[in-house]
Amino acid sequence: MNDMEIKSALARKGYKVHPYRLDAIAKAASKIVTVLCTNATLIAYEDAIMAIDVARAIITGGAADDADNA
């Protein structure tokens, strides 16, 4: 999936962000997809979704910890 496909997917989901920020988000998403889908780390679809869910839980948990410590 290239950057343009990711930007298009984000736009279809209704995300409205500044183009610079959208570009940064698209590049980050592209790197995540590349890590999950390259031959070196090729995993099943369900496992990739689980990995994303775990990352989301870590990120949101970390954000909550940061807010508590602010």
C-alpha atoms as a PDB file:
ATOM      1  CA  MET A   1       0.000   0.000   0.000  1.00  0.00           C
ATOM      2  CA  ASN A   2       1.525   3.310  -1.014  1.00  0.00           C
ATOM      3  CA  ASP A   3       1.124   6.727   0.599  1.00  0.00           C
ATOM      4  CA  MET A   4      -1.602   7.837  -1.835  1.00  0.00           C
ATOM      5  CA  GLU A   5      -3.706   4.745  -1.090  1.00  0.00           C
ATOM      6  CA  ILE A   6      -3.378   5.366   2.642  1.00  0.00           C
ATOM      7  CA  LYS A   7      -4.313   9.052   2.262  1.00  0.00           C
ATOM      8  CA  SER A   8      -7.337   8.001   0.200  1.00  0.00           C
ATOM      9  CA  ALA A   9      -8.371   5.447   2.840  1.00  0.00           C
ATOM     10  CA  LEU A  10      -8.074   8.060   5.592  1.00  0.00           C
ATOM     11  CA  ALA A  11     -10.174  10.504   3.565  1.00  0.00           C
ATOM     12  CA  ARG A  12     -12.867   7.848   2.995  1.00  0.00           C
ATOM     13  CA  LYS A  13     -13.001   7.248   6.761  1.00  0.00           C
ATOM     14  CA  GLY A  14     -13.846  10.929   7.215  1.00  0.00           C
ATOM     15  CA  TYR A  15     -10.600  12.129   8.783  1.00  0.00           C
ATOM     16  CA  LYS A  16     -10.164  15.856   8.214  1.00  0.00           C
ATOM     17  CA  VAL A  17      -6.583  16.910   8.946  1.00  0.00           C
ATOM     18  CA  HIS A  18      -4.045  19.395   7.633  1.00  0.00           C
ATOM     19  CA  PRO A  19      -2.220  18.025   4.553  1.00  0.00           C
ATOM     20  CA  TYR A  20       1.177  18.094   6.314  1.00  0.00           C
ATOM     21  CA  ARG A  21      -0.184  16.097   9.239  1.00  0.00           C
ATOM     22  CA  LEU A  22      -2.021  13.736   6.874  1.00  0.00           C
ATOM     23  CA  ASP A  23       1.243  13.104   5.049  1.00  0.00           C
ATOM     24  CA  ALA A  24       3.022  12.257   8.318  1.00  0.00           C
ATOM     25  CA  ILE A  25       0.187   9.925   9.373  1.00  0.00           C
ATOM     26  CA  ALA A  26       0.145   8.231   5.968  1.00  0.00           C
ATOM     27  CA  LYS A  27       3.904   7.629   6.119  1.00  0.00           C
ATOM     28  CA  ALA A  28       3.627   6.135   9.610  1.00  0.00           C
ATOM     29  CA  ALA A  29       0.757   3.880   8.502  1.00  0.00           C
ATOM     30  CA  SER A  30       2.725   2.821   5.436  1.00  0.00           C
ATOM     31  CA  LYS A  31       5.677   1.803   7.629  1.00  0.00           C
ATOM     32  CA  ILE A  32       3.379  -0.221   9.905  1.00  0.00           C
ATOM     33  CA  VAL A  33       1.807  -2.026   6.937  1.00  0.00           C
ATOM     34  CA  THR A  34       5.267  -2.713   5.495  1.00  0.00           C
ATOM     35  CA  VAL A  35       6.487  -4.211   8.774  1.00  0.00           C
ATOM     36  CA  LEU A  36       3.419  -6.437   9.081  1.00  0.00           C
ATOM     37  CA  CYS A  37       3.306  -7.530   5.433  1.00  0.00           C
ATOM     38  CA  THR A  38       6.914  -8.038   4.325  1.00  0.00           C
ATOM     39  CA  ASN A  39       8.199 -11.535   3.709  1.00  0.00           C
ATOM     40  CA  ALA A  40      10.377 -11.344   6.836  1.00  0.00           C
ATOM     41  CA  THR A  41       7.356 -10.810   9.124  1.00  0.00           C
ATOM     42  CA  LEU A  42       4.466 -12.096   7.019  1.00  0.00           C
ATOM     43  CA  ILE A  43       1.651 -13.003   9.392  1.00  0.00           C
ATOM     44  CA  ALA A  44      -2.000 -13.913   8.999  1.00  0.00           C
ATOM     45  CA  TYR A  45      -4.624 -11.188   8.670  1.00  0.00           C
ATOM     46  CA  GLU A  46      -6.093 -11.958  12.095  1.00  0.00           C
ATOM     47  CA  ASP A  47      -2.631 -11.777  13.679  1.00  0.00           C
ATOM     48  CA  ALA A  48      -1.923  -8.435  11.996  1.00  0.00           C
ATOM     49  CA  ILE A  49      -5.199  -7.031  13.354  1.00  0.00           C
ATOM     50  CA  MET A  50      -4.299  -8.349  16.806  1.00  0.00           C
ATOM     51  CA  ALA A  51      -0.861  -6.705  16.598  1.00  0.00           C
ATOM     52  CA  ILE A  52      -2.506  -3.388  15.690  1.00  0.00           C
ATOM     53  CA  ASP A  53      -4.974  -3.772  18.577  1.00  0.00           C
ATOM     54  CA  VAL A  54      -2.108  -4.435  21.001  1.00  0.00           C
ATOM     55  CA  ALA A  55      -0.236  -1.385  19.707  1.00  0.00           C
ATOM     56  CA  ARG A  56      -3.407   0.729  20.059  1.00  0.00           C
ATOM     57  CA  ALA A  57      -3.845  -0.449  23.660  1.00  0.00           C
ATOM     58  CA  ILE A  58      -0.233   0.388  24.463  1.00  0.00           C
ATOM     59  CA  ILE A  59      -0.497   3.813  22.839  1.00  0.00           C
ATOM     60  CA  THR A  60      -3.787   4.723  24.526  1.00  0.00           C
ATOM     61  CA  GLY A  61      -2.585   3.331  27.842  1.00  0.00           C
ATOM     62  CA  GLY A  62       0.604   5.328  27.532  1.00  0.00           C
ATOM     63  CA  ALA A  63      -1.376   8.447  26.651  1.00  0.00           C
ATOM     64  CA  ALA A  64      -3.556   7.915  29.723  1.00  0.00           C
ATOM     65  CA  ASP A  65      -0.442   7.499  31.876  1.00  0.00           C
ATOM     66  CA  ASP A  66       1.003  10.713  30.432  1.00  0.00           C
ATOM     67  CA  ALA A  67      -2.220  12.600  31.208  1.00  0.00           C
ATOM     68  CA  ASP A  68      -2.204  11.251  34.775  1.00  0.00           C
ATOM     69  CA  ASN A  69       1.403  12.356  35.264  1.00  0.00           C
ATOM     70  CA  ALA A  70       0.987  15.807  33.718  1.00  0.00           C
END
